[in-house]
Amino acid sequence: MIPVCPRSELKPGDVRVVAGEFPIAVFCTEDDQLYAVDDRCTHQETPLSDGWVEGHIVECPLHESCFDLRTGAVTGPPAKLPVRTHEVRVVEGVVYVNASGVPGA
């Protein structure tokens, strides 16, 4: 598990990027839920952390591909491949990400 930040520092609408073998974006949605996905659009490798989130959908800032943060599934073209999702846990007030990842649905 990779530590991200204290849970108190991640408010609705915030995103944090975890550096590593591949960057992971941790999003806090408007309903205060935490989700982690690879921080690269599968269409043209643009950081999704620079995109816009509405509900549980993140929109890539480059060509407007959309992905469901809960599953990684593509919800809007031009992307055709899902992004990987990652498990997020809060332990003793700290947000952690399990970078093992699973293919999006």
PDB file of N, CA and C in Angstrom:
ATOM      1  N   MET A   1       0.846  -1.184   0.000  1.00  0.00           N
ATOM      2  CA  MET A   1       0.000   0.000   0.000  1.00  0.00           C
ATOM      3  C   MET A   1       0.892   1.248   0.000  1.00  0.00           C
ATOM      4  N   ILE A   2       0.520   2.203  -0.820  1.00  0.00           N
ATOM      5  CA  ILE A   2       1.275   3.450  -0.950  1.00  0.00           C
ATOM      6  C   ILE A   2       0.537   4.548  -0.195  1.00  0.00           C
ATOM      7  N   PRO A   3       1.202   5.242   0.732  1.00  0.00           N
ATOM      8  CA  PRO A   3       0.529   6.354   1.411  1.00  0.00           C
ATOM      9  C   PRO A   3       0.331   7.534   0.458  1.00  0.00           C
ATOM     10  N   VAL A   4      -0.834   8.160   0.534  1.00  0.00           N
ATOM     11  CA  VAL A   4      -1.164   9.286  -0.339  1.00  0.00           C
ATOM     12  C   VAL A   4      -1.108  10.594   0.444  1.00  0.00           C
ATOM     13  N   CYS A   5      -1.939  10.702   1.478  1.00  0.00           N
ATOM     14  CA  CYS A   5      -2.009  11.906   2.300  1.00  0.00           C
ATOM     15  C   CYS A   5      -2.956  11.636   3.458  1.00  0.00           C
ATOM     16  N   PRO A   6      -2.965  12.509   4.459  1.00  0.00           N
ATOM     17  CA  PRO A   6      -3.984  12.380   5.498  1.00  0.00           C
ATOM     18  C   PRO A   6      -5.379  12.539   4.878  1.00  0.00           C
ATOM     19  N   ARG A   7      -6.347  11.772   5.354  1.00  0.00           N
ATOM     20  CA  ARG A   7      -7.716  11.834   4.811  1.00  0.00           C
ATOM     21  C   ARG A   7      -8.280  13.248   4.955  1.00  0.00           C
ATOM     22  N   SER A   8      -7.911  13.939   6.015  1.00  0.00           N
ATOM     23  CA  SER A   8      -8.417  15.291   6.263  1.00  0.00           C
ATOM     24  C   SER A   8      -7.979  16.290   5.196  1.00  0.00           C
ATOM     25  N   GLU A   9      -6.948  15.965   4.433  1.00  0.00           N
ATOM     26  CA  GLU A   9      -6.451  16.859   3.381  1.00  0.00           C
ATOM     27  C   GLU A   9      -7.085  16.604   2.017  1.00  0.00           C
ATOM     28  N   LEU A  10      -7.927  15.600   1.898  1.00  0.00           N
ATOM     29  CA  LEU A  10      -8.541  15.255   0.613  1.00  0.00           C
ATOM     30  C   LEU A  10     -10.038  15.530   0.707  1.00  0.00           C
ATOM     31  N   LYS A  11     -10.436  16.687   0.243  1.00  0.00           N
ATOM     32  CA  LYS A  11     -11.824  17.153   0.319  1.00  0.00           C
ATOM     33  C   LYS A  11     -12.543  16.886  -1.009  1.00  0.00           C
ATOM     34  N   PRO A  12     -13.890  16.903  -1.003  1.00  0.00           N
ATOM     35  CA  PRO A  12     -14.625  16.721  -2.253  1.00  0.00           C
ATOM     36  C   PRO A  12     -14.129  17.676  -3.345  1.00  0.00           C
ATOM     37  N   GLY A  13     -13.863  17.116  -4.505  1.00  0.00           N
ATOM     38  CA  GLY A  13     -13.356  17.884  -5.642  1.00  0.00           C
ATOM     39  C   GLY A  13     -11.845  17.856  -5.760  1.00  0.00           C
ATOM     40  N   ASP A  14     -11.150  17.359  -4.734  1.00  0.00           N
ATOM     41  CA  ASP A  14      -9.686  17.301  -4.755  1.00  0.00           C
ATOM     42  C   ASP A  14      -9.180  16.070  -5.485  1.00  0.00           C
ATOM     43  N   VAL A  15      -7.947  16.158  -5.957  1.00  0.00           N
ATOM     44  CA  VAL A  15      -7.256  15.016  -6.565  1.00  0.00           C
ATOM     45  C   VAL A  15      -5.798  15.081  -6.134  1.00  0.00           C
ATOM     46  N   ARG A  16      -5.217  13.923  -5.901  1.00  0.00           N
ATOM     47  CA  ARG A  16      -3.786  13.813  -5.584  1.00  0.00           C
ATOM     48  C   ARG A  16      -3.182  12.809  -6.548  1.00  0.00           C
ATOM     49  N   VAL A  17      -1.957  13.060  -6.964  1.00  0.00           N
ATOM     50  CA  VAL A  17      -1.260  12.137  -7.859  1.00  0.00           C
ATOM     51  C   VAL A  17      -0.142  11.462  -7.077  1.00  0.00           C
ATOM     52  N   VAL A  18      -0.095  10.156  -7.184  1.00  0.00           N
ATOM     53  CA  VAL A  18       0.931   9.355  -6.527  1.00  0.00           C
ATOM     54  C   VAL A  18       1.949   8.960  -7.589  1.00  0.00           C
ATOM     55  N   ALA A  19       3.197   9.360  -7.381  1.00  0.00           N
ATOM     56  CA  ALA A  19       4.266   9.003  -8.315  1.00  0.00           C
ATOM     57  C   ALA A  19       4.676   7.554  -8.061  1.00  0.00           C
ATOM     58  N   GLY A  20       5.206   6.938  -9.081  1.00  0.00           N
ATOM     59  CA  GLY A  20       5.660   5.564  -8.950  1.00  0.00           C
ATOM     60  C   GLY A  20       5.994   5.024 -10.325  1.00  0.00           C
ATOM     61  N   GLU A  21       5.955   3.714 -10.452  1.00  0.00           N
ATOM     62  CA  GLU A  21       6.217   3.079 -11.747  1.00  0.00           C
ATOM     63  C   GLU A  21       5.298   3.659 -12.811  1.00  0.00           C
ATOM     64  N   PHE A  22       4.065   3.912 -12.416  1.00  0.00           N
ATOM     65  CA  PHE A  22       3.107   4.633 -13.254  1.00  0.00           C
ATOM     66  C   PHE A  22       2.309   5.521 -12.319  1.00  0.00           C
ATOM     67  N   PRO A  23       1.986   6.759 -12.717  1.00  0.00           N
ATOM     68  CA  PRO A  23       1.259   7.656 -11.827  1.00  0.00           C
ATOM     69  C   PRO A  23      -0.182   7.188 -11.600  1.00  0.00           C
ATOM     70  N   ILE A  24      -0.658   7.412 -10.395  1.00  0.00           N
ATOM     71  CA  ILE A  24      -2.029   7.070 -10.020  1.00  0.00           C
ATOM     72  C   ILE A  24      -2.695   8.342  -9.504  1.00  0.00           C
ATOM     73  N   ALA A  25      -3.908   8.612  -9.979  1.00  0.00           N
ATOM     74  CA  ALA A  25      -4.680   9.766  -9.514  1.00  0.00           C
ATOM     75  C   ALA A  25      -5.713   9.285  -8.500  1.00  0.00           C
ATOM     76  N   VAL A  26      -5.732   9.931  -7.344  1.00  0.00           N
ATOM     77  CA  VAL A  26      -6.713   9.622  -6.308  1.00  0.00           C
ATOM     78  C   VAL A  26      -7.697  10.787  -6.267  1.00  0.00           C
ATOM     79  N   PHE A  27      -8.948  10.494  -6.589  1.00  0.00           N
ATOM     80  CA  PHE A  27      -9.997  11.514  -6.661  1.00  0.00           C
ATOM     81  C   PHE A  27     -10.913  11.412  -5.455  1.00  0.00           C
ATOM     82  N   CYS A  28     -11.314  12.549  -4.917  1.00  0.00           N
ATOM     83  CA  CYS A  28     -12.361  12.619  -3.905  1.00  0.00           C
ATOM     84  C   CYS A  28     -13.567  13.248  -4.601  1.00  0.00           C
ATOM     85  N   THR A  29     -14.614  12.464  -4.796  1.00  0.00           N
ATOM     86  CA  THR A  29     -15.784  12.940  -5.539  1.00  0.00           C
ATOM     87  C   THR A  29     -16.654  13.849  -4.678  1.00  0.00           C
ATOM     88  N   GLU A  30     -17.633  14.462  -5.308  1.00  0.00           N
ATOM     89  CA  GLU A  30     -18.527  15.402  -4.634  1.00  0.00           C
ATOM     90  C   GLU A  30     -19.229  14.766  -3.439  1.00  0.00           C
ATOM     91  N   ASP A  31     -19.452  13.436  -3.493  1.00  0.00           N
ATOM     92  CA  ASP A  31     -20.108  12.750  -2.375  1.00  0.00           C
ATOM     93  C   ASP A  31     -19.088  12.202  -1.370  1.00  0.00           C
ATOM     94  N   ASP A  32     -17.852  12.711  -1.431  1.00  0.00           N
ATOM     95  CA  ASP A  32     -16.777  12.411  -0.479  1.00  0.00           C
ATOM     96  C   ASP A  32     -16.295  10.956  -0.548  1.00  0.00           C
ATOM     97  N   GLN A  33     -16.429  10.333  -1.718  1.00  0.00           N
ATOM     98  CA  GLN A  33     -15.917   8.983  -1.928  1.00  0.00           C
ATOM     99  C   GLN A  33     -14.548   9.068  -2.583  1.00  0.00           C
ATOM    100  N   LEU A  34     -13.685   8.106  -2.289  1.00  0.00           N
ATOM    101  CA  LEU A  34     -12.333   8.084  -2.842  1.00  0.00           C
ATOM    102  C   LEU A  34     -12.197   7.002  -3.899  1.00  0.00           C
ATOM    103  N   TYR A  35     -11.582   7.367  -5.022  1.00  0.00           N
ATOM    104  CA  TYR A  35     -11.340   6.439  -6.126  1.00  0.00           C
ATOM    105  C   TYR A  35      -9.948   6.692  -6.678  1.00  0.00           C
ATOM    106  N   ALA A  36      -9.299   5.615  -7.137  1.00  0.00           N
ATOM    107  CA  ALA A  36      -7.966   5.749  -7.718  1.00  0.00           C
ATOM    108  C   ALA A  36      -7.922   5.047  -9.064  1.00  0.00           C
ATOM    109  N   VAL A  37      -7.362   5.747 -10.050  1.00  0.00           N
ATOM    110  CA  VAL A  37      -7.194   5.201 -11.398  1.00  0.00           C
ATOM    111  C   VAL A  37      -5.814   5.595 -11.909  1.00  0.00           C
ATOM    112  N   ASP A  38      -5.343   4.876 -12.931  1.00  0.00           N
ATOM    113  CA  ASP A  38      -4.109   5.308 -13.588  1.00  0.00           C
ATOM    114  C   ASP A  38      -4.302   6.745 -14.051  1.00  0.00           C
ATOM    115  N   ASP A  39      -3.276   7.564 -13.879  1.00  0.00           N
ATOM    116  CA  ASP A  39      -3.390   8.984 -14.233  1.00  0.00           C
ATOM    117  C   ASP A  39      -3.026   9.248 -15.682  1.00  0.00           C
ATOM    118  N   ARG A  40      -3.422   8.370 -16.560  1.00  0.00           N
ATOM    119  CA  ARG A  40      -3.170   8.561 -17.980  1.00  0.00           C
ATOM    120  C   ARG A  40      -4.382   8.100 -18.776  1.00  0.00           C
ATOM    121  N   CYS A  41      -4.887   8.980 -19.615  1.00  0.00           N
ATOM    122  CA  CYS A  41      -5.969   8.615 -20.522  1.00  0.00           C
ATOM    123  C   CYS A  41      -5.450   7.540 -21.467  1.00  0.00           C
ATOM    124  N   THR A  42      -6.260   6.533 -21.719  1.00  0.00           N
ATOM    125  CA  THR A  42      -5.845   5.449 -22.615  1.00  0.00           C
ATOM    126  C   THR A  42      -5.895   5.860 -24.082  1.00  0.00           C
ATOM    127  N   HIS A  43      -6.392   7.042 -24.361  1.00  0.00           N
ATOM    128  CA  HIS A  43      -6.445   7.512 -25.741  1.00  0.00           C
ATOM    129  C   HIS A  43      -5.121   8.137 -26.160  1.00  0.00           C
ATOM    130  N   GLN A  44      -4.604   9.118 -25.372  1.00  0.00           N
ATOM    131  CA  GLN A  44      -3.347   9.758 -25.750  1.00  0.00           C
ATOM    132  C   GLN A  44      -2.486  10.151 -24.560  1.00  0.00           C
ATOM    133  N   GLU A  45      -2.535   9.367 -23.500  1.00  0.00           N
ATOM    134  CA  GLU A  45      -1.613   9.506 -22.372  1.00  0.00           C
ATOM    135  C   GLU A  45      -1.659  10.862 -21.657  1.00  0.00           C
ATOM    136  N   THR A  46      -2.752  11.563 -21.718  1.00  0.00           N
ATOM    137  CA  THR A  46      -2.902  12.841 -21.021  1.00  0.00           C
ATOM    138  C   THR A  46      -3.268  12.588 -19.553  1.00  0.00           C
ATOM    139  N   PRO A  47      -2.743  13.363 -18.607  1.00  0.00           N
ATOM    140  CA  PRO A  47      -3.086  13.163 -17.200  1.00  0.00           C
ATOM    141  C   PRO A  47      -4.578  13.401 -16.923  1.00  0.00           C
ATOM    142  N   LEU A  48      -5.240  12.383 -16.403  1.00  0.00           N
ATOM    143  CA  LEU A  48      -6.651  12.531 -16.040  1.00  0.00           C
ATOM    144  C   LEU A  48      -6.812  13.444 -14.831  1.00  0.00           C
ATOM    145  N   SER A  49      -5.758  13.572 -14.035  1.00  0.00           N
ATOM    146  CA  SER A  49      -5.822  14.463 -12.868  1.00  0.00           C
ATOM    147  C   SER A  49      -6.002  15.923 -13.280  1.00  0.00           C
ATOM    148  N   ASP A  50      -5.735  16.252 -14.544  1.00  0.00           N
ATOM    149  CA  ASP A  50      -5.959  17.600 -15.066  1.00  0.00           C
ATOM    150  C   ASP A  50      -7.369  17.765 -15.632  1.00  0.00           C
ATOM    151  N   GLY A  51      -8.150  16.687 -15.592  1.00  0.00           N
ATOM    152  CA  GLY A  51      -9.492  16.705 -16.181  1.00  0.00           C
ATOM    153  C   GLY A  51     -10.554  17.217 -15.227  1.00  0.00           C
ATOM    154  N   TRP A  52     -11.812  16.986 -15.597  1.00  0.00           N
ATOM    155  CA  TRP A  52     -12.962  17.448 -14.836  1.00  0.00           C
ATOM    156  C   TRP A  52     -13.721  16.246 -14.326  1.00  0.00           C
ATOM    157  N   VAL A  53     -14.223  16.349 -13.113  1.00  0.00           N
ATOM    158  CA  VAL A  53     -15.002  15.266 -12.518  1.00  0.00           C
ATOM    159  C   VAL A  53     -16.423  15.758 -12.283  1.00  0.00           C
ATOM    160  N   GLU A  54     -17.373  14.930 -12.720  1.00  0.00           N
ATOM    161  CA  GLU A  54     -18.784  15.184 -12.450  1.00  0.00           C
ATOM    162  C   GLU A  54     -19.380  13.869 -11.991  1.00  0.00           C
ATOM    163  N   GLY A  55     -19.878  13.855 -10.780  1.00  0.00           N
ATOM    164  CA  GLY A  55     -20.364  12.598 -10.212  1.00  0.00           C
ATOM    165  C   GLY A  55     -19.197  11.631 -10.056  1.00  0.00           C
ATOM    166  N   HIS A  56     -19.287  10.486 -10.730  1.00  0.00           N
ATOM    167  CA  HIS A  56     -18.219   9.488 -10.694  1.00  0.00           C
ATOM    168  C   HIS A  56     -17.503   9.367 -12.042  1.00  0.00           C
ATOM    169  N   ILE A  57     -17.634  10.396 -12.864  1.00  0.00           N
ATOM    170  CA  ILE A  57     -17.041  10.373 -14.209  1.00  0.00           C
ATOM    171  C   ILE A  57     -15.937  11.430 -14.295  1.00  0.00           C
ATOM    172  N   VAL A  58     -14.763  11.012 -14.808  1.00  0.00           N
ATOM    173  CA  VAL A  58     -13.685  11.957 -15.063  1.00  0.00           C
ATOM    174  C   VAL A  58     -13.572  12.131 -16.577  1.00  0.00           C
ATOM    175  N   GLU A  59     -13.427  13.376 -16.993  1.00  0.00           N
ATOM    176  CA  GLU A  59     -13.295  13.710 -18.415  1.00  0.00           C
ATOM    177  C   GLU A  59     -11.871  14.157 -18.696  1.00  0.00           C
ATOM    178  N   CYS A  60     -11.253  13.538 -19.684  1.00  0.00           N
ATOM    179  CA  CYS A  60      -9.897  13.884 -20.084  1.00  0.00           C
ATOM    180  C   CYS A  60      -9.880  15.306 -20.651  1.00  0.00           C
ATOM    181  N   PRO A  61      -8.896  16.119 -20.265  1.00  0.00           N
ATOM    182  CA  PRO A  61      -8.866  17.498 -20.738  1.00  0.00           C
ATOM    183  C   PRO A  61      -8.440  17.660 -22.195  1.00  0.00           C
ATOM    184  N   LEU A  62      -7.892  16.605 -22.809  1.00  0.00           N
ATOM    185  CA  LEU A  62      -7.392  16.747 -24.171  1.00  0.00           C
ATOM    186  C   LEU A  62      -8.471  16.517 -25.230  1.00  0.00           C
ATOM    187  N   HIS A  63      -9.065  15.330 -25.257  1.00  0.00           N
ATOM    188  CA  HIS A  63     -10.066  15.010 -26.287  1.00  0.00           C
ATOM    189  C   HIS A  63     -11.412  14.606 -25.708  1.00  0.00           C
ATOM    190  N   GLU A  64     -11.612  14.864 -24.404  1.00  0.00           N
ATOM    191  CA  GLU A  64     -12.899  14.675 -23.743  1.00  0.00           C
ATOM    192  C   GLU A  64     -13.341  13.228 -23.585  1.00  0.00           C
ATOM    193  N   SER A  65     -12.407  12.269 -23.629  1.00  0.00           N
ATOM    194  CA  SER A  65     -12.766  10.893 -23.289  1.00  0.00           C
ATOM    195  C   SER A  65     -13.232  10.884 -21.849  1.00  0.00           C
ATOM    196  N   CYS A  66     -14.181  10.016 -21.533  1.00  0.00           N
ATOM    197  CA  CYS A  66     -14.721   9.938 -20.178  1.00  0.00           C
ATOM    198  C   CYS A  66     -14.572   8.530 -19.626  1.00  0.00           C
ATOM    199  N   PHE A  67     -14.307   8.455 -18.304  1.00  0.00           N
ATOM    200  CA  PHE A  67     -14.108   7.178 -17.629  1.00  0.00           C
ATOM    201  C   PHE A  67     -14.869   7.185 -16.310  1.00  0.00           C
ATOM    202  N   ASP A  68     -15.425   6.032 -15.966  1.00  0.00           N
ATOM    203  CA  ASP A  68     -16.092   5.852 -14.689  1.00  0.00           C
ATOM    204  C   ASP A  68     -15.021   5.578 -13.635  1.00  0.00           C
ATOM    205  N   LEU A  69     -14.932   6.427 -12.628  1.00  0.00           N
ATOM    206  CA  LEU A  69     -13.911   6.269 -11.587  1.00  0.00           C
ATOM    207  C   LEU A  69     -14.106   4.992 -10.782  1.00  0.00           C
ATOM    208  N   ARG A  70     -15.324   4.484 -10.717  1.00  0.00           N
ATOM    209  CA  ARG A  70     -15.601   3.287  -9.933  1.00  0.00           C
ATOM    210  C   ARG A  70     -15.104   2.018 -10.610  1.00  0.00           C
ATOM    211  N   THR A  71     -15.138   1.992 -11.937  1.00  0.00           N
ATOM    212  CA  THR A  71     -14.811   0.762 -12.676  1.00  0.00           C
ATOM    213  C   THR A  71     -13.669   0.927 -13.667  1.00  0.00           C
ATOM    214  N   GLY A  72     -13.372   2.162 -14.056  1.00  0.00           N
ATOM    215  CA  GLY A  72     -12.377   2.422 -15.092  1.00  0.00           C
ATOM    216  C   GLY A  72     -12.953   2.360 -16.492  1.00  0.00           C
ATOM    217  N   ALA A  73     -14.210   1.975 -16.616  1.00  0.00           N
ATOM    218  CA  ALA A  73     -14.839   1.805 -17.923  1.00  0.00           C
ATOM    219  C   ALA A  73     -14.926   3.118 -18.695  1.00  0.00           C
ATOM    220  N   VAL A  74     -14.781   3.016 -20.006  1.00  0.00           N
ATOM    221  CA  VAL A  74     -14.961   4.165 -20.892  1.00  0.00           C
ATOM    222  C   VAL A  74     -16.447   4.490 -20.949  1.00  0.00           C
ATOM    223  N   THR A  75     -16.784   5.762 -20.716  1.00  0.00           N
ATOM    224  CA  THR A  75     -18.180   6.174 -20.812  1.00  0.00           C
ATOM    225  C   THR A  75     -18.389   7.203 -21.913  1.00  0.00           C
ATOM    226  N   GLY A  76     -17.293   7.613 -22.572  1.00  0.00           N
ATOM    227  CA  GLY A  76     -17.392   8.565 -23.675  1.00  0.00           C
ATOM    228  C   GLY A  76     -16.141   8.513 -24.526  1.00  0.00           C
ATOM    229  N   PRO A  77     -16.315   8.466 -25.867  1.00  0.00           N
ATOM    230  CA  PRO A  77     -15.173   8.387 -26.783  1.00  0.00           C
ATOM    231  C   PRO A  77     -14.366   9.688 -26.774  1.00  0.00           C
ATOM    232  N   PRO A  78     -13.182   9.674 -27.369  1.00  0.00           N
ATOM    233  CA  PRO A  78     -12.681   8.698 -28.325  1.00  0.00           C
ATOM    234  C   PRO A  78     -11.946   7.504 -27.717  1.00  0.00           C
ATOM    235  N   ALA A  79     -11.679   7.487 -26.413  1.00  0.00           N
ATOM    236  CA  ALA A  79     -10.982   6.335 -25.821  1.00  0.00           C
ATOM    237  C   ALA A  79     -11.807   5.066 -26.030  1.00  0.00           C
ATOM    238  N   LYS A  80     -11.103   3.960 -26.216  1.00  0.00           N
ATOM    239  CA  LYS A  80     -11.758   2.669 -26.381  1.00  0.00           C
ATOM    240  C   LYS A  80     -11.381   1.705 -25.256  1.00  0.00           C
ATOM    241  N   LEU A  81     -10.227   1.934 -24.627  1.00  0.00           N
ATOM    242  CA  LEU A  81      -9.743   1.053 -23.569  1.00  0.00           C
ATOM    243  C   LEU A  81      -9.987   1.675 -22.192  1.00  0.00           C
ATOM    244  N   PRO A  82     -10.358   0.870 -21.204  1.00  0.00           N
ATOM    245  CA  PRO A  82     -10.571   1.392 -19.854  1.00  0.00           C
ATOM    246  C   PRO A  82      -9.259   1.779 -19.198  1.00  0.00           C
ATOM    247  N   VAL A  83      -9.342   2.534 -18.116  1.00  0.00           N
ATOM    248  CA  VAL A  83      -8.177   2.809 -17.277  1.00  0.00           C
ATOM    249  C   VAL A  83      -8.198   1.802 -16.131  1.00  0.00           C
ATOM    250  N   ARG A  84      -7.015   1.501 -15.616  1.00  0.00           N
ATOM    251  CA  ARG A  84      -6.957   0.596 -14.471  1.00  0.00           C
ATOM    252  C   ARG A  84      -7.425   1.310 -13.219  1.00  0.00           C
ATOM    253  N   THR A  85      -8.129   0.586 -12.395  1.00  0.00           N
ATOM    254  CA  THR A  85      -8.555   1.103 -11.101  1.00  0.00           C
ATOM    255  C   THR A  85      -7.674   0.501 -10.017  1.00  0.00           C
ATOM    256  N   HIS A  86      -7.637   1.174  -8.875  1.00  0.00           N
ATOM    257  CA  HIS A  86      -6.807   0.732  -7.761  1.00  0.00           C
ATOM    258  C   HIS A  86      -7.598   0.841  -6.465  1.00  0.00           C
ATOM    259  N   GLU A  87      -7.371  -0.091  -5.582  1.00  0.00           N
ATOM    260  CA  GLU A  87      -8.032  -0.095  -4.286  1.00  0.00           C
ATOM    261  C   GLU A  87      -7.543   1.089  -3.449  1.00  0.00           C
ATOM    262  N   VAL A  88      -8.487   1.758  -2.780  1.00  0.00           N
ATOM    263  CA  VAL A  88      -8.167   2.858  -1.870  1.00  0.00           C
ATOM    264  C   VAL A  88      -8.646   2.450  -0.480  1.00  0.00           C
ATOM    265  N   ARG A  89      -7.782   2.664   0.513  1.00  0.00           N
ATOM    266  CA  ARG A  89      -8.142   2.392   1.913  1.00  0.00           C
ATOM    267  C   ARG A  89      -7.749   3.585   2.767  1.00  0.00           C
ATOM    268  N   VAL A  90      -8.509   3.771   3.827  1.00  0.00           N
ATOM    269  CA  VAL A  90      -8.146   4.763   4.831  1.00  0.00           C
ATOM    270  C   VAL A  90      -7.830   3.989   6.106  1.00  0.00           C
ATOM    271  N   VAL A  91      -6.592   4.120   6.571  1.00  0.00           N
ATOM    272  CA  VAL A  91      -6.136   3.422   7.765  1.00  0.00           C
ATOM    273  C   VAL A  91      -5.582   4.461   8.738  1.00  0.00           C
ATOM    274  N   GLU A  92      -6.187   4.506   9.911  1.00  0.00           N
ATOM    275  CA  GLU A  92      -5.759   5.446  10.948  1.00  0.00           C
ATOM    276  C   GLU A  92      -5.645   6.878  10.416  1.00  0.00           C
ATOM    277  N   GLY A  93      -6.632   7.274   9.614  1.00  0.00           N
ATOM    278  CA  GLY A  93      -6.691   8.648   9.121  1.00  0.00           C
ATOM    279  C   GLY A  93      -5.800   8.970   7.937  1.00  0.00           C
ATOM    280  N   VAL A  94      -5.149   7.949   7.350  1.00  0.00           N
ATOM    281  CA  VAL A  94      -4.278   8.159   6.197  1.00  0.00           C
ATOM    282  C   VAL A  94      -4.844   7.406   4.995  1.00  0.00           C
ATOM    283  N   VAL A  95      -4.845   8.059   3.830  1.00  0.00           N
ATOM    284  CA  VAL A  95      -5.302   7.440   2.589  1.00  0.00           C
ATOM    285  C   VAL A  95      -4.150   6.639   1.987  1.00  0.00           C
ATOM    286  N   TYR A  96      -4.455   5.393   1.620  1.00  0.00           N
ATOM    287  CA  TYR A  96      -3.481   4.510   0.970  1.00  0.00           C
ATOM    288  C   TYR A  96      -4.072   3.979  -0.327  1.00  0.00           C
ATOM    289  N   VAL A  97      -3.184   3.687  -1.285  1.00  0.00           N
ATOM    290  CA  VAL A  97      -3.590   3.085  -2.553  1.00  0.00           C
ATOM    291  C   VAL A  97      -2.825   1.774  -2.720  1.00  0.00           C
ATOM    292  N   ASN A  98      -3.557   0.750  -3.138  1.00  0.00           N
ATOM    293  CA  ASN A  98      -2.942  -0.515  -3.496  1.00  0.00           C
ATOM    294  C   ASN A  98      -2.675  -0.452  -4.993  1.00  0.00           C
ATOM    295  N   ALA A  99      -1.431  -0.333  -5.388  1.00  0.00           N
ATOM    296  CA  ALA A  99      -1.075  -0.097  -6.786  1.00  0.00           C
ATOM    297  C   ALA A  99      -1.089  -1.341  -7.648  1.00  0.00           C
ATOM    298  N   SER A 100      -1.633  -2.447  -7.152  1.00  0.00           N
ATOM    299  CA  SER A 100      -1.670  -3.662  -7.966  1.00  0.00           C
ATOM    300  C   SER A 100      -2.587  -3.487  -9.169  1.00  0.00           C
ATOM    301  N   GLY A 101      -3.673  -2.787  -8.988  1.00  0.00           N
ATOM    302  CA  GLY A 101      -4.579  -2.466 -10.082  1.00  0.00           C
ATOM    303  C   GLY A 101      -5.281  -3.653 -10.688  1.00  0.00           C
ATOM    304  N   VAL A 102      -6.443  -3.397 -11.212  1.00  0.00           N
ATOM    305  CA  VAL A 102      -7.218  -4.400 -11.938  1.00  0.00           C
ATOM    306  C   VAL A 102      -7.744  -3.741 -13.197  1.00  0.00           C
ATOM    307  N   PRO A 103      -7.896  -4.507 -14.271  1.00  0.00           N
ATOM    308  CA  PRO A 103      -8.444  -3.893 -15.496  1.00  0.00           C
ATOM    309  C   PRO A 103      -9.838  -3.331 -15.232  1.00  0.00           C
ATOM    310  N   GLY A 104     -10.128  -2.196 -15.848  1.00  0.00           N
ATOM    311  CA  GLY A 104     -11.464  -1.610 -15.715  1.00  0.00           C
ATOM    312  C   GLY A 104     -12.497  -2.498 -16.389  1.00  0.00           C
ATOM    313  N   ALA A 105     -13.723  -2.378 -15.940  1.00  0.00           N
ATOM    314  CA  ALA A 105     -14.813  -3.190 -16.496  1.00  0.00           C
ATOM    315  C   ALA A 105     -15.361  -2.566 -17.748  1.00  0.00           C
TER     316      ALA A 105
END
